Amino acid sequence: MRLVIQRVREASVTVSESTVGSIGTGLVVLLGVSRSDTADQADYLLDKLLGLRIFPDEQGKMNRDVREAKGALLIVSQFTLYGDCRKGRRPSFDQAAPPEQAQALYNYFVETAKRGPVPVETGVFQALMQVQLVNDGPVTILLDSADRARR
């Protein structure tokens, strides 16, 4: 499972000209699911995400997590995070999970996040979405559940 996380001042997701999710201060989380991902990896990444100290404290140092910053999450599915561009010019998505598997793990991640300490908004799985955001910093972090195994 891969997450691209952006610290934002505000963000929204639009589908067919209707806003389906929006947040103020918080994190936009682009979430990709691979064929080998499990709920355990989703739990690991959600814990890591909620604990990331990437919001400024009173001295301007990145010392606060999203909860401490009174922020929210905007979670958007994005299978293209598993695009492999090593060969040719057209990405291969062979490592991306098939839609049914990806949706199950995406839903698991979202529902688990909603039981957590911060508000959660989402996009629409498999929809053509427009994501608007004001990146704060800019701060962009990559998390990959495969990194857990490398330790």
Foldseek 3Di string as FASTA:
>chain_A
DKKKKFFFQKKFKDFPNHTQDIWGTDIEIEDFAFQPDDLVLLVVVLVVQQPQQQAQDPVGDSGDGQLRVQTEYEYEYDLCVQFDCPDDHGTDSNGTHPQVVGVVSSVSSQVVVCVDRHHYTYYDPPGDMDMDTGGPVGDIDMDDSVVVVVD
